Protein backbone atom coordinates (compact mmCIF):
# COMPACT_ATOMS: atom_id res chain seq x y z
CA UNK A 1 -131.58 -216.26 31.09
CA UNK A 2 -129.65 -213.53 29.07
CA UNK A 3 -131.29 -210.48 27.80
CA UNK A 4 -130.33 -209.17 24.37
CA UNK A 5 -129.04 -205.58 24.60
CA UNK A 6 -130.36 -203.44 21.54
CA UNK A 7 -128.23 -201.16 19.54
CA UNK A 8 -130.27 -198.20 21.04
CA UNK A 9 -129.56 -199.34 24.62
CA UNK A 10 -125.81 -199.88 23.75
CA UNK A 11 -125.91 -196.23 22.57
CA UNK A 12 -127.45 -194.81 25.61
CA UNK A 13 -125.12 -196.84 27.77
CA UNK A 14 -121.92 -195.02 26.32
CA UNK A 15 -123.13 -191.80 28.06
CA UNK A 16 -122.21 -191.39 31.55
CA UNK A 17 -123.40 -188.72 34.03
CA UNK A 18 -121.07 -185.91 32.76
CA UNK A 19 -122.25 -186.45 29.06
CA UNK A 20 -125.96 -186.38 30.33
CA UNK A 21 -125.24 -183.09 32.20
CA UNK A 22 -123.91 -181.46 28.94
CA UNK A 23 -126.90 -182.81 27.09
CA UNK A 24 -129.37 -181.50 29.60
CA UNK A 25 -127.56 -177.96 29.33
CA UNK A 26 -128.03 -178.08 25.58
CA UNK A 27 -131.73 -179.03 25.93
CA UNK A 28 -132.79 -176.44 28.50
CA UNK A 29 -133.20 -173.70 26.16
CA UNK A 30 -135.82 -175.74 24.26
CA UNK A 31 -137.57 -176.75 27.36
CA UNK A 32 -140.81 -174.72 28.15
CA UNK A 33 -140.45 -172.46 31.43
CA UNK A 34 -143.18 -174.80 33.01
CA UNK A 35 -140.73 -177.69 32.95
CA UNK A 36 -137.30 -176.18 32.94
CA UNK A 37 -136.90 -176.49 36.70
CA UNK A 38 -138.80 -179.69 36.97
CA UNK A 39 -136.70 -181.57 34.50
CA UNK A 40 -133.30 -180.55 36.31
CA UNK A 41 -135.10 -181.72 39.47
CA UNK A 42 -136.05 -184.99 38.02
CA UNK A 43 -132.39 -185.83 37.13
CA UNK A 44 -131.31 -184.81 40.48
CA UNK A 45 -133.93 -187.28 42.03
CA UNK A 46 -132.49 -190.24 39.73
CA UNK A 47 -128.90 -189.79 39.33
CA UNK A 48 -127.17 -191.98 36.78
CA UNK A 49 -124.04 -192.35 39.00
CA UNK A 50 -126.06 -193.84 41.89
CA UNK A 51 -127.82 -196.16 39.64
CA UNK A 52 -124.46 -197.49 38.16
CA UNK A 53 -123.03 -197.85 41.71
CA UNK A 54 -125.90 -200.01 42.97
CA UNK A 55 -126.10 -201.85 39.62
CA UNK A 56 -122.44 -202.90 39.94
CA UNK A 57 -122.35 -203.56 43.58
CA UNK A 58 -121.90 -207.16 44.43
CA UNK A 59 -124.71 -206.89 47.17
CA UNK A 60 -126.95 -203.83 46.16
CA UNK A 61 -129.18 -204.25 49.27
CA UNK A 62 -126.07 -204.12 51.52
CA UNK A 63 -124.83 -200.93 49.76
CA UNK A 64 -128.01 -199.13 49.94
CA UNK A 65 -128.07 -199.95 53.84
CA UNK A 66 -124.42 -198.61 54.09
CA UNK A 67 -125.47 -195.41 52.26
CA UNK A 68 -128.55 -195.02 54.60
CA UNK A 69 -130.81 -194.94 51.60
CA UNK A 70 -134.53 -195.19 52.38
CA UNK A 71 -137.69 -195.12 50.26
CA UNK A 72 -138.11 -195.97 46.64
CA UNK A 73 -135.08 -195.22 44.83
CA UNK A 74 -135.01 -197.59 41.94
CA UNK A 75 -136.55 -196.12 38.72
CA UNK A 76 -137.75 -199.58 37.62
CA UNK A 77 -140.35 -199.49 40.27
CA UNK A 78 -141.79 -196.14 39.05
CA UNK A 79 -141.41 -195.94 35.46
CA UNK A 80 -144.90 -194.31 34.95
CA UNK A 81 -145.09 -192.26 38.26
CA UNK A 82 -141.44 -190.88 38.86
CA UNK A 83 -142.13 -187.55 36.84
CA UNK A 84 -145.74 -186.75 37.79
CA UNK A 85 -144.57 -183.26 38.75
CA UNK A 86 -143.54 -182.53 35.20
CA UNK A 87 -146.35 -180.82 33.01
CA UNK A 88 -145.09 -183.19 30.35
CA UNK A 89 -146.25 -186.07 32.34
CA UNK A 90 -149.45 -185.50 30.36
CA UNK A 91 -148.03 -186.64 27.33
CA UNK A 92 -146.14 -189.60 28.72
CA UNK A 93 -148.15 -192.31 26.95
CA UNK A 94 -147.28 -190.68 23.61
CA UNK A 95 -143.71 -190.33 24.55
CA UNK A 96 -143.29 -193.96 25.56
CA UNK A 97 -144.77 -195.08 22.22
CA UNK A 98 -142.72 -192.74 20.23
CA UNK A 99 -139.45 -193.97 22.11
CA UNK A 100 -140.31 -197.50 21.40
CA UNK A 101 -140.59 -196.83 17.77
CA UNK A 102 -137.29 -194.85 17.84
CA UNK A 103 -135.52 -197.67 19.66
CA UNK A 104 -136.72 -200.19 17.16
CA UNK A 105 -135.46 -198.20 14.14
CA UNK A 106 -132.24 -196.94 15.68
CA UNK A 107 -129.05 -197.19 13.87
CA UNK A 108 -125.60 -196.09 15.05
CA UNK A 109 -124.87 -195.00 11.51
CA UNK A 110 -127.39 -192.24 11.91
CA UNK A 111 -124.77 -190.42 13.79
CA UNK A 112 -127.28 -188.18 15.62
CA UNK A 113 -126.19 -186.92 19.13
CA UNK A 114 -128.09 -187.78 22.29
CA UNK A 115 -129.70 -184.20 22.55
CA UNK A 116 -130.47 -184.33 18.69
CA UNK A 117 -132.38 -187.58 19.17
CA UNK A 118 -134.26 -186.45 22.19
CA UNK A 119 -135.39 -183.23 20.20
CA UNK A 120 -136.18 -185.32 17.10
CA UNK A 121 -138.63 -187.53 19.16
CA UNK A 122 -140.13 -184.51 20.91
CA UNK A 123 -140.84 -182.79 17.75
CA UNK A 124 -142.54 -186.25 16.41
CA UNK A 125 -144.55 -186.39 19.56
CA UNK A 126 -145.60 -182.59 19.40
CA UNK A 127 -146.30 -182.80 15.80
CA UNK A 128 -148.68 -185.89 15.93
CA UNK A 129 -150.46 -184.26 18.80
CA UNK A 130 -150.38 -180.66 17.45
CA UNK A 131 -148.56 -179.43 20.62
CA UNK A 132 -145.97 -177.10 21.52
CA UNK A 133 -142.80 -179.00 21.21
CA UNK A 134 -141.17 -177.08 24.24
CA UNK A 135 -143.81 -178.90 26.37
CA UNK A 136 -142.70 -182.42 25.42
CA UNK A 137 -138.82 -181.92 25.40
CA UNK A 138 -138.22 -182.50 29.18
CA UNK A 139 -140.33 -185.39 29.34
CA UNK A 140 -138.68 -187.00 26.39
CA UNK A 141 -135.35 -186.58 27.98
CA UNK A 142 -136.75 -188.37 31.06
CA UNK A 143 -137.83 -191.22 28.87
CA UNK A 144 -134.57 -191.64 27.48
CA UNK A 145 -132.93 -191.69 30.80
CA UNK A 146 -135.49 -193.96 32.14
CA UNK A 147 -134.56 -196.64 29.24
CA UNK A 148 -130.96 -196.25 30.17
CA UNK A 149 -131.87 -197.12 33.82
CA UNK A 150 -134.38 -199.75 33.52
CA UNK A 151 -133.91 -201.26 30.00
CA UNK A 152 -135.97 -201.21 26.92
CA UNK A 153 -138.07 -204.42 28.11
CA UNK A 154 -139.09 -202.99 31.33
CA UNK A 155 -139.81 -199.63 29.59
CA UNK A 156 -142.07 -201.00 26.93
CA UNK A 157 -145.19 -201.54 29.01
CA UNK A 158 -148.14 -199.37 27.91
CA UNK A 159 -147.52 -195.71 29.35
CA UNK A 160 -150.07 -194.24 31.84
CA UNK A 161 -150.99 -190.79 32.57
CA UNK A 162 -151.77 -190.90 36.36
CA UNK A 163 -152.94 -187.31 37.12
CA UNK A 164 -156.74 -186.81 36.91
CA UNK A 165 -158.52 -185.04 34.13
CA UNK A 166 -159.15 -181.75 36.04
CA UNK A 167 -155.54 -181.25 36.55
CA UNK A 168 -154.52 -182.49 33.19
CA UNK A 169 -156.57 -179.72 31.53
CA UNK A 170 -154.53 -176.80 33.52
CA UNK A 171 -152.43 -174.74 31.12
CA UNK A 172 -148.90 -173.87 31.61
CA UNK A 173 -149.62 -170.35 32.11
CA UNK A 174 -152.24 -171.10 34.85
CA UNK A 175 -149.59 -173.13 36.88
CA UNK A 176 -146.78 -170.65 36.35
CA UNK A 177 -149.18 -167.80 37.65
CA UNK A 178 -150.06 -170.03 40.78
CA UNK A 179 -146.43 -170.47 41.37
CA UNK A 180 -145.62 -166.87 41.21
CA UNK A 181 -148.54 -165.67 43.43
CA UNK A 182 -148.15 -164.72 46.97
CA UNK A 183 -150.69 -165.15 49.78
CA UNK A 184 -152.65 -162.12 50.46
CA UNK A 185 -152.01 -160.85 53.93
CA UNK A 186 -155.32 -159.08 54.50
CA UNK A 187 -156.32 -155.21 53.95
CA UNK A 188 -153.46 -154.15 56.28
CA UNK A 189 -150.98 -156.95 55.11
CA UNK A 190 -148.37 -154.18 54.22
CA UNK A 191 -147.90 -153.49 57.92
CA UNK A 192 -147.26 -156.98 58.99
CA UNK A 193 -143.85 -158.35 59.68
CA UNK A 194 -143.19 -161.48 61.69
CA UNK A 195 -146.85 -162.70 61.60
CA UNK A 196 -147.08 -163.31 57.86
CA UNK A 197 -148.17 -166.54 56.57
CA UNK A 198 -147.10 -168.24 53.31
CA UNK A 199 -148.59 -171.29 51.50
CA UNK A 200 -146.35 -174.21 50.59
CA UNK A 201 -147.62 -176.67 47.72
CA UNK A 202 -145.95 -179.97 47.78
CA UNK A 203 -148.06 -181.48 44.99
CA UNK A 204 -149.37 -179.32 42.18
CA UNK A 205 -151.81 -182.27 41.08
CA UNK A 206 -153.44 -182.33 44.48
CA UNK A 207 -155.37 -179.31 45.57
CA UNK A 208 -155.22 -180.49 49.26
CA UNK A 209 -151.61 -180.90 49.28
CA UNK A 210 -150.74 -177.45 50.69
CA UNK A 211 -149.88 -176.22 54.20
CA UNK A 212 -149.45 -172.72 55.80
CA UNK A 213 -146.19 -171.69 57.43
CA UNK A 214 -144.94 -168.48 59.16
CA UNK A 215 -142.66 -165.99 57.69
CA UNK A 216 -139.09 -167.02 57.85
CA UNK A 217 -139.99 -170.28 59.15
CA UNK A 218 -138.14 -173.21 57.69
CA UNK A 219 -140.14 -175.57 55.42
CA UNK A 220 -139.61 -178.73 57.68
CA UNK A 221 -141.07 -177.02 60.72
CA UNK A 222 -144.13 -175.71 58.65
CA UNK A 223 -144.72 -179.31 57.29
CA UNK A 224 -144.72 -180.77 60.81
CA UNK A 225 -147.93 -178.91 61.81
CA UNK A 226 -149.80 -180.37 59.00
CA UNK A 227 -151.77 -183.18 60.26
CA UNK A 228 -154.44 -183.34 57.49
CA UNK A 229 -153.43 -186.93 56.67
CA UNK A 230 -152.02 -190.12 57.91
CA UNK A 231 -148.47 -189.29 56.51
CA UNK A 232 -146.68 -192.36 57.87
CA UNK A 233 -149.31 -194.62 56.24
CA UNK A 234 -148.72 -192.82 52.87
CA UNK A 235 -144.86 -193.04 53.41
CA UNK A 236 -142.93 -194.49 56.39
CA UNK A 237 -140.54 -191.80 56.16
CA UNK A 238 -143.04 -189.06 56.85
CA UNK A 239 -143.19 -189.06 60.71
CA UNK A 240 -143.83 -185.35 60.90
CA UNK A 241 -146.19 -184.11 58.15
CA UNK A 242 -145.66 -184.37 54.36
CA UNK A 243 -141.79 -183.74 54.21
CA UNK A 244 -139.68 -186.62 55.82
CA UNK A 245 -137.58 -185.22 58.34
CA UNK A 246 -135.39 -186.72 61.15
CA UNK A 247 -132.48 -184.44 62.54
CA UNK A 248 -133.48 -180.79 61.78
CA UNK A 249 -129.82 -180.11 61.55
CA UNK A 250 -128.72 -180.87 58.00
CA UNK A 251 -127.06 -183.97 59.35
CA UNK A 252 -129.27 -186.78 57.71
CA UNK A 253 -130.33 -185.50 54.15
CA UNK A 254 -133.90 -186.82 54.99
CA UNK A 255 -135.70 -183.61 54.16
CA UNK A 256 -134.40 -182.71 50.70
CA UNK A 257 -136.88 -181.22 48.45
CA UNK A 258 -136.99 -179.87 44.72
CA UNK A 259 -138.10 -176.23 44.22
CA UNK A 260 -140.46 -176.04 41.19
CA UNK A 261 -141.33 -172.35 41.95
CA UNK A 262 -140.36 -169.73 44.44
CA UNK A 263 -136.75 -170.55 44.81
CA UNK A 264 -136.02 -166.82 45.18
CA UNK A 265 -138.37 -166.77 48.07
CA UNK A 266 -136.19 -168.99 50.03
CA UNK A 267 -133.20 -168.06 52.10
CA UNK A 268 -129.79 -168.44 50.63
CA UNK A 269 -127.83 -171.67 51.19
CA UNK A 270 -125.71 -171.14 54.36
CA UNK A 271 -122.40 -172.83 54.63
CA UNK A 272 -123.47 -175.91 56.47
CA UNK A 273 -126.17 -176.62 53.96
CA UNK A 274 -124.14 -176.13 51.04
CA UNK A 275 -121.42 -178.57 52.49
CA UNK A 276 -123.76 -181.34 53.70
CA UNK A 277 -126.00 -181.31 50.35
CA UNK A 278 -122.84 -182.13 48.30
CA UNK A 279 -121.87 -184.78 50.96
CA UNK A 280 -125.33 -186.25 50.56
CA UNK A 281 -124.74 -186.39 46.78
CA UNK A 282 -128.07 -184.20 45.92
CA UNK A 283 -126.37 -181.64 44.11
CA UNK A 284 -122.98 -179.85 43.19
CA UNK A 285 -123.63 -176.02 42.94
CA UNK A 286 -122.41 -172.86 44.30
CA UNK A 287 -125.85 -171.15 43.69
CA UNK A 288 -127.07 -169.30 46.62
CA UNK A 289 -130.67 -170.46 45.77
CA UNK A 290 -130.56 -173.77 43.97
CA UNK A 291 -133.37 -176.00 42.72
CA UNK A 292 -132.43 -178.73 45.45
CA UNK A 293 -132.71 -177.76 49.16
CA UNK A 294 -132.73 -179.19 52.44
CA UNK A 295 -136.13 -178.33 54.09
CA UNK A 296 -134.92 -177.86 57.58
CA UNK A 297 -132.57 -175.22 56.40
CA UNK A 298 -134.68 -173.27 54.06
CA UNK A 299 -136.68 -170.27 55.47
CA UNK A 300 -139.55 -169.01 53.44
CA UNK A 301 -140.40 -165.54 52.74
CA UNK A 302 -142.99 -166.08 50.23
CA UNK A 303 -145.19 -168.85 49.01
CA UNK A 304 -143.35 -171.77 47.10
CA UNK A 305 -143.88 -174.96 45.34
CA UNK A 306 -141.93 -177.85 45.90
CA UNK A 307 -141.78 -181.71 45.23
CA UNK A 308 -140.69 -184.26 47.67
CA UNK A 309 -138.30 -187.11 46.56
CA UNK A 310 -139.59 -190.56 47.01
CA UNK A 311 -136.13 -191.60 48.79
CA UNK A 312 -133.22 -190.15 50.50
CA UNK A 313 -129.64 -191.15 51.52
CA UNK A 314 -126.00 -190.29 52.07
CA UNK A 315 -123.96 -191.33 49.06
CA UNK A 316 -122.04 -188.19 47.77
CA UNK A 317 -118.85 -189.29 49.57
CA UNK A 318 -119.09 -192.88 48.23
CA UNK A 319 -119.57 -191.84 44.49
CA UNK A 320 -116.77 -189.35 44.89
CA UNK A 321 -114.41 -192.17 46.13
CA UNK A 322 -115.46 -194.30 43.15
CA UNK A 323 -114.45 -191.43 40.74
CA UNK A 324 -111.08 -191.01 42.47
CA UNK A 325 -110.59 -194.71 42.31
CA UNK A 326 -111.49 -194.84 38.57
CA UNK A 327 -108.84 -192.06 37.82
CA UNK A 328 -105.89 -194.15 39.41
CA UNK A 329 -103.42 -195.39 36.85
CA UNK A 330 -104.22 -199.08 36.13
CA UNK A 331 -107.92 -198.86 36.99
CA UNK A 332 -110.27 -200.43 34.38
CA UNK A 333 -111.96 -196.72 33.64
CA UNK A 334 -108.50 -195.13 33.45
CA UNK A 335 -107.20 -197.95 31.16
CA UNK A 336 -110.28 -197.67 28.86
CA UNK A 337 -109.80 -193.76 28.43
């Protein structure tokens, strides 16, 4: 059985990760502060380059084993749930519907860039629902990328908003205030040094998804003391609390997290973390306090809000080898450019 590729899917498939990165940079100024970090984190969680590598492999399962990938790494298995940590998830059903209509009426002759199309769909959704467009841009960009990775047919099931109404009613300002708030240390808290305690929130849509940790303790050690749930039952990778962890020495990449709020309250990236996080393939940056961190290397000196990826792996070197191969004279990629 063959599947017909629509003109819109063909258009999306012309955009590689570098072009998407440029598009995201263009869009960031139009994304509300509540979702600016979250959108960038989502694109780090579901990199197009890894999708292509698995999609083009002769044996994807064997490649996943080779790259030590664990957990739910295919976007097709979590179309409605991958972005629950975005505020814009509240508008996912409307975004899905608008994107399907956009795809059905798409024509290459329109000549609009990828960023312009994302903004146009976001404006339509916001206008129909009388909402701030900046709250919809991030989740709309997620929708475009989701179609590119899963295809329009798989995408076209009715959208589901998966958070409860209590959390759905929270305003961006309420959430931003909570992210910025540090724990009170009591009446004489200003005198405390090493015995300060900070709260780490690992799911903003679950009031119980928090744990307390010591000042300057790393995020992974703090999480290991949280025995509030059967974490392994929730996710086999979570053998010690809510954050998956194995080595505690930045060697495995298991404990990577996205930092929604409070990145400035974490220790700077040290040389080993910076080197290894690139090898894993999670992020390429020289920033001292990036949005993607290894929990076992990140000491907190304040309350933070994080999001835990549903998978982990070691694929950076492999992807770099593919890029180097594609640049060699005579390679298919080099010939086509």
